[in-house]
Amino acid sequence: MKGQTYIILALIFAVIVAIFAVINVDPVEVNFLFGTGDAPLILVILVSVLMGGIITGSVGIVRLIRLQREIRGLKQENTQLKETNQHDGVENREEQGEPLSASKIGQSSNE
């Protein structure tokens, strides 16, 4: 449901930008770092929106990759801690002289 909302909002935004760009078709002077040039305002608007979307998307993808790496590392750490705790639990029961029944071993792995 959340994804559909984002798609609908993106489409509405795209339609608004397209209408705004089509209304503004007059040629304008564009100052680049290395010179100036004339371009239709519609192209300036569309290229600016496209570049903003690409930059925003790139930042989002980098953040997503970092979070996925962090999740993977935390899952590995969690698995190692569970294995260590299970192993320590079995050793502690043996030291206390408790018999290890199948039901107790099953309970410790389910916790």
N, C-alpha and C. Protein backbone atom coordinates (compact mmCIF):
# COMPACT_ATOMS: atom_id res chain seq x y z
N MET A 1 0.82 -1.19 0.00
CA MET A 1 0.00 0.00 0.00
C MET A 1 0.86 1.25 0.00
N LYS A 2 1.96 1.21 0.75
CA LYS A 2 2.85 2.36 0.84
C LYS A 2 3.51 2.64 -0.52
N GLY A 3 3.89 1.58 -1.22
CA GLY A 3 4.52 1.73 -2.53
C GLY A 3 3.58 2.34 -3.55
N GLN A 4 2.31 1.97 -3.49
CA GLN A 4 1.33 2.53 -4.41
C GLN A 4 1.14 4.02 -4.18
N THR A 5 1.18 4.44 -2.94
CA THR A 5 1.04 5.86 -2.63
C THR A 5 2.19 6.65 -3.23
N TYR A 6 3.42 6.13 -3.09
CA TYR A 6 4.58 6.81 -3.67
C TYR A 6 4.48 6.90 -5.18
N ILE A 7 4.01 5.84 -5.83
CA ILE A 7 3.88 5.85 -7.28
C ILE A 7 2.84 6.88 -7.72
N ILE A 8 1.72 6.92 -7.03
CA ILE A 8 0.66 7.88 -7.37
C ILE A 8 1.16 9.31 -7.18
N LEU A 9 1.84 9.58 -6.06
CA LEU A 9 2.38 10.92 -5.83
C LEU A 9 3.44 11.29 -6.87
N ALA A 10 4.27 10.34 -7.26
CA ALA A 10 5.28 10.60 -8.29
C ALA A 10 4.63 10.92 -9.63
N LEU A 11 3.58 10.20 -9.97
CA LEU A 11 2.87 10.48 -11.23
C LEU A 11 2.22 11.86 -11.21
N ILE A 12 1.61 12.22 -10.08
CA ILE A 12 1.00 13.55 -9.96
C ILE A 12 2.07 14.63 -10.10
N PHE A 13 3.20 14.44 -9.44
CA PHE A 13 4.31 15.40 -9.54
C PHE A 13 4.81 15.48 -10.98
N ALA A 14 4.95 14.36 -11.66
CA ALA A 14 5.41 14.36 -13.05
C ALA A 14 4.44 15.11 -13.96
N VAL A 15 3.17 14.93 -13.75
CA VAL A 15 2.16 15.63 -14.57
C VAL A 15 2.24 17.14 -14.31
N ILE A 16 2.38 17.55 -13.06
CA ILE A 16 2.48 18.98 -12.73
C ILE A 16 3.72 19.59 -13.38
N VAL A 17 4.85 18.89 -13.29
CA VAL A 17 6.09 19.39 -13.90
C VAL A 17 5.94 19.47 -15.42
N ALA A 18 5.34 18.45 -16.02
CA ALA A 18 5.15 18.46 -17.47
C ALA A 18 4.27 19.62 -17.91
N ILE A 19 3.17 19.88 -17.21
CA ILE A 19 2.29 21.00 -17.55
C ILE A 19 3.04 22.32 -17.39
N PHE A 20 3.78 22.45 -16.29
CA PHE A 20 4.56 23.67 -16.05
C PHE A 20 5.60 23.87 -17.15
N ALA A 21 6.26 22.81 -17.56
CA ALA A 21 7.29 22.91 -18.60
C ALA A 21 6.68 23.27 -19.95
N VAL A 22 5.55 22.68 -20.30
CA VAL A 22 4.92 22.95 -21.59
C VAL A 22 4.44 24.40 -21.68
N ILE A 23 4.00 24.97 -20.58
CA ILE A 23 3.56 26.36 -20.56
C ILE A 23 4.74 27.31 -20.81
N ASN A 24 5.93 26.95 -20.33
CA ASN A 24 7.11 27.81 -20.43
C ASN A 24 8.03 27.31 -21.54
N VAL A 25 7.78 27.76 -22.77
CA VAL A 25 8.57 27.30 -23.92
C VAL A 25 9.46 28.40 -24.48
N ASP A 26 9.49 29.56 -23.89
CA ASP A 26 10.30 30.67 -24.39
C ASP A 26 11.79 30.35 -24.26
N PRO A 27 12.58 30.83 -25.20
CA PRO A 27 14.04 30.63 -25.09
C PRO A 27 14.61 31.52 -23.98
N VAL A 28 15.56 30.96 -23.23
CA VAL A 28 16.21 31.71 -22.16
C VAL A 28 17.72 31.54 -22.28
N GLU A 29 18.45 32.49 -21.70
CA GLU A 29 19.91 32.38 -21.69
C GLU A 29 20.32 31.58 -20.47
N VAL A 30 21.13 30.56 -20.69
CA VAL A 30 21.59 29.69 -19.62
C VAL A 30 23.09 29.93 -19.43
N ASN A 31 23.49 30.21 -18.21
CA ASN A 31 24.90 30.43 -17.89
C ASN A 31 25.51 29.13 -17.37
N PHE A 32 26.45 28.57 -18.14
CA PHE A 32 27.19 27.39 -17.73
C PHE A 32 28.49 27.86 -17.08
N LEU A 33 29.24 26.95 -16.51
CA LEU A 33 30.53 27.33 -15.91
C LEU A 33 31.51 27.83 -16.96
N PHE A 34 31.42 27.30 -18.16
CA PHE A 34 32.39 27.61 -19.21
C PHE A 34 31.84 28.55 -20.28
N GLY A 35 30.61 29.01 -20.17
CA GLY A 35 30.06 29.92 -21.16
C GLY A 35 28.56 30.05 -21.00
N THR A 36 27.94 30.66 -22.00
CA THR A 36 26.50 30.84 -21.97
C THR A 36 25.90 30.28 -23.25
N GLY A 37 24.60 30.05 -23.21
CA GLY A 37 23.90 29.56 -24.38
C GLY A 37 22.42 29.78 -24.24
N ASP A 38 21.72 29.74 -25.36
CA ASP A 38 20.27 29.87 -25.34
C ASP A 38 19.64 28.48 -25.42
N ALA A 39 18.60 28.29 -24.63
CA ALA A 39 17.90 27.00 -24.64
C ALA A 39 16.43 27.27 -24.31
N PRO A 40 15.55 26.45 -24.84
CA PRO A 40 14.14 26.61 -24.46
C PRO A 40 13.96 26.31 -22.97
N LEU A 41 13.14 27.10 -22.33
CA LEU A 41 12.91 26.95 -20.89
C LEU A 41 12.36 25.56 -20.57
N ILE A 42 11.60 24.96 -21.46
CA ILE A 42 11.05 23.63 -21.24
C ILE A 42 12.18 22.61 -21.03
N LEU A 43 13.26 22.73 -21.82
CA LEU A 43 14.40 21.81 -21.66
C LEU A 43 15.13 22.06 -20.34
N VAL A 44 15.28 23.33 -19.98
CA VAL A 44 15.95 23.65 -18.72
C VAL A 44 15.17 23.05 -17.55
N ILE A 45 13.86 23.20 -17.57
CA ILE A 45 13.02 22.67 -16.49
C ILE A 45 13.10 21.14 -16.44
N LEU A 46 12.92 20.49 -17.59
CA LEU A 46 12.92 19.02 -17.61
C LEU A 46 14.28 18.44 -17.24
N VAL A 47 15.37 19.04 -17.73
CA VAL A 47 16.71 18.54 -17.38
C VAL A 47 16.98 18.74 -15.90
N SER A 48 16.55 19.88 -15.35
CA SER A 48 16.75 20.13 -13.92
C SER A 48 16.00 19.11 -13.06
N VAL A 49 14.76 18.84 -13.42
CA VAL A 49 13.97 17.84 -12.67
C VAL A 49 14.60 16.46 -12.81
N LEU A 50 15.03 16.12 -14.02
CA LEU A 50 15.66 14.81 -14.24
C LEU A 50 16.95 14.66 -13.42
N MET A 51 17.79 15.68 -13.42
CA MET A 51 19.03 15.61 -12.65
C MET A 51 18.74 15.53 -11.15
N GLY A 52 17.75 16.28 -10.69
CA GLY A 52 17.37 16.20 -9.27
C GLY A 52 16.89 14.80 -8.90
N GLY A 53 16.11 14.18 -9.78
CA GLY A 53 15.65 12.81 -9.53
C GLY A 53 16.79 11.81 -9.52
N ILE A 54 17.73 11.97 -10.45
CA ILE A 54 18.87 11.05 -10.51
C ILE A 54 19.74 11.19 -9.26
N ILE A 55 20.00 12.41 -8.84
CA ILE A 55 20.83 12.63 -7.65
C ILE A 55 20.13 12.08 -6.41
N THR A 56 18.85 12.37 -6.27
CA THR A 56 18.09 11.86 -5.11
C THR A 56 18.05 10.34 -5.10
N GLY A 57 17.82 9.75 -6.26
CA GLY A 57 17.79 8.29 -6.36
C GLY A 57 19.14 7.66 -6.03
N SER A 58 20.22 8.29 -6.49
CA SER A 58 21.56 7.78 -6.20
C SER A 58 21.87 7.79 -4.71
N VAL A 59 21.51 8.89 -4.06
CA VAL A 59 21.73 8.98 -2.61
C VAL A 59 20.90 7.92 -1.88
N GLY A 60 19.67 7.70 -2.34
CA GLY A 60 18.82 6.68 -1.72
C GLY A 60 19.37 5.28 -1.91
N ILE A 61 19.91 4.99 -3.09
CA ILE A 61 20.48 3.67 -3.35
C ILE A 61 21.72 3.43 -2.50
N VAL A 62 22.58 4.44 -2.37
CA VAL A 62 23.77 4.30 -1.52
C VAL A 62 23.36 4.03 -0.08
N ARG A 63 22.37 4.75 0.40
CA ARG A 63 21.88 4.54 1.78
C ARG A 63 21.30 3.13 1.95
N LEU A 64 20.55 2.68 0.95
CA LEU A 64 19.97 1.35 1.00
C LEU A 64 21.05 0.27 1.05
N ILE A 65 22.09 0.41 0.25
CA ILE A 65 23.18 -0.57 0.23
C ILE A 65 23.88 -0.60 1.59
N ARG A 66 24.13 0.57 2.17
CA ARG A 66 24.77 0.61 3.49
C ARG A 66 23.91 -0.08 4.55
N LEU A 67 22.61 0.18 4.52
CA LEU A 67 21.72 -0.44 5.50
C LEU A 67 21.65 -1.95 5.32
N GLN A 68 21.66 -2.43 4.07
CA GLN A 68 21.64 -3.87 3.83
C GLN A 68 22.91 -4.52 4.34
N ARG A 69 24.05 -3.86 4.16
CA ARG A 69 25.31 -4.41 4.70
C ARG A 69 25.26 -4.48 6.22
N GLU A 70 24.73 -3.43 6.83
CA GLU A 70 24.63 -3.41 8.29
C GLU A 70 23.69 -4.51 8.79
N ILE A 71 22.58 -4.70 8.10
CA ILE A 71 21.64 -5.76 8.49
C ILE A 71 22.31 -7.12 8.37
N ARG A 72 23.04 -7.35 7.27
CA ARG A 72 23.71 -8.64 7.07
C ARG A 72 24.71 -8.90 8.19
N GLY A 73 25.49 -7.87 8.56
CA GLY A 73 26.46 -8.03 9.65
C GLY A 73 25.79 -8.30 10.98
N LEU A 74 24.69 -7.61 11.25
CA LEU A 74 23.99 -7.83 12.51
C LEU A 74 23.35 -9.21 12.57
N LYS A 75 22.87 -9.71 11.43
CA LYS A 75 22.31 -11.07 11.41
C LYS A 75 23.39 -12.10 11.69
N GLN A 76 24.58 -11.91 11.10
CA GLN A 76 25.68 -12.83 11.36
C GLN A 76 26.08 -12.80 12.82
N GLU A 77 26.16 -11.60 13.39
CA GLU A 77 26.51 -11.46 14.80
C GLU A 77 25.45 -12.12 15.68
N ASN A 78 24.19 -11.94 15.34
CA ASN A 78 23.09 -12.55 16.09
C ASN A 78 23.18 -14.07 16.04
N THR A 79 23.46 -14.62 14.86
CA THR A 79 23.59 -16.07 14.72
C THR A 79 24.75 -16.59 15.57
N GLN A 80 25.88 -15.88 15.54
CA GLN A 80 27.03 -16.31 16.33
C GLN A 80 26.72 -16.26 17.82
N LEU A 81 26.02 -15.23 18.27
CA LEU A 81 25.67 -15.13 19.69
C LEU A 81 24.70 -16.24 20.10
N LYS A 82 23.76 -16.57 19.22
CA LYS A 82 22.83 -17.66 19.53
C LYS A 82 23.57 -18.98 19.64
N GLU A 83 24.51 -19.23 18.73
CA GLU A 83 25.28 -20.48 18.78
C GLU A 83 26.12 -20.53 20.05
N THR A 84 26.72 -19.41 20.42
CA THR A 84 27.54 -19.36 21.64
C THR A 84 26.68 -19.60 22.87
N ASN A 85 25.50 -18.97 22.91
CA ASN A 85 24.61 -19.15 24.06
C ASN A 85 24.09 -20.58 24.16
N GLN A 86 23.78 -21.20 23.04
CA GLN A 86 23.32 -22.59 23.07
C GLN A 86 24.43 -23.50 23.55
N HIS A 87 25.63 -23.27 23.07
CA HIS A 87 26.77 -24.10 23.47
C HIS A 87 27.05 -23.92 24.96
N ASP A 88 27.02 -22.68 25.45
CA ASP A 88 27.26 -22.42 26.87
C ASP A 88 26.16 -23.01 27.73
N GLY A 89 24.93 -22.98 27.26
CA GLY A 89 23.81 -23.55 28.01
C GLY A 89 23.95 -25.05 28.19
N VAL A 90 24.40 -25.76 27.16
CA VAL A 90 24.59 -27.21 27.24
C VAL A 90 25.73 -27.52 28.19
N GLU A 91 26.84 -26.76 28.14
CA GLU A 91 27.97 -27.02 29.03
C GLU A 91 27.59 -26.76 30.49
N ASN A 92 26.82 -25.71 30.74
CA ASN A 92 26.41 -25.39 32.10
C ASN A 92 25.53 -26.50 32.68
N ARG A 93 24.67 -27.09 31.89
CA ARG A 93 23.81 -28.17 32.38
C ARG A 93 24.64 -29.42 32.69
N GLU A 94 25.65 -29.67 31.85
CA GLU A 94 26.50 -30.83 32.10
C GLU A 94 27.30 -30.65 33.37
N GLU A 95 27.78 -29.42 33.63
CA GLU A 95 28.57 -29.16 34.83
C GLU A 95 27.71 -29.29 36.09
N GLN A 96 26.44 -28.94 35.99
CA GLN A 96 25.55 -29.02 37.13
C GLN A 96 25.03 -30.43 37.35
N GLY A 97 25.35 -31.33 36.46
CA GLY A 97 24.94 -32.71 36.61
C GLY A 97 23.54 -32.98 36.11
N GLU A 98 22.95 -32.05 35.39
CA GLU A 98 21.61 -32.28 34.83
C GLU A 98 21.72 -33.19 33.63
N PRO A 99 20.83 -34.17 33.55
CA PRO A 99 20.83 -34.99 32.34
C PRO A 99 20.26 -34.16 31.18
N LEU A 100 20.83 -34.36 30.03
CA LEU A 100 20.37 -33.64 28.84
C LEU A 100 19.33 -34.48 28.12
N SER A 101 18.08 -34.14 28.32
CA SER A 101 17.03 -34.84 27.62
C SER A 101 16.74 -34.13 26.31
N ALA A 102 16.12 -34.83 25.41
CA ALA A 102 15.81 -34.28 24.10
C ALA A 102 14.88 -33.08 24.22
N SER A 103 13.96 -33.10 25.19
CA SER A 103 13.02 -31.99 25.34
C SER A 103 13.75 -30.74 25.81
N LYS A 104 14.74 -30.87 26.70
CA LYS A 104 15.47 -29.69 27.18
C LYS A 104 16.33 -29.11 26.07
N ILE A 105 16.94 -29.96 25.27
CA ILE A 105 17.78 -29.47 24.18
C ILE A 105 16.90 -28.77 23.15
N GLY A 106 15.75 -29.33 22.88
CA GLY A 106 14.82 -28.70 21.94
C GLY A 106 14.33 -27.36 22.45
N GLN A 107 14.10 -27.27 23.76
CA GLN A 107 13.63 -26.00 24.33
C GLN A 107 14.71 -24.93 24.24
N SER A 108 15.95 -25.29 24.47
CA SER A 108 17.01 -24.29 24.44
C SER A 108 17.23 -23.79 23.02
N SER A 109 17.02 -24.62 22.01
CA SER A 109 17.22 -24.15 20.64
C SER A 109 16.05 -23.33 20.16
N ASN A 110 14.88 -23.48 20.77
CA ASN A 110 13.72 -22.71 20.36
C ASN A 110 13.70 -21.32 21.00
N GLU A 111 14.43 -21.13 22.08
CA GLU A 111 14.41 -19.85 22.81
C GLU A 111 15.14 -18.78 22.06
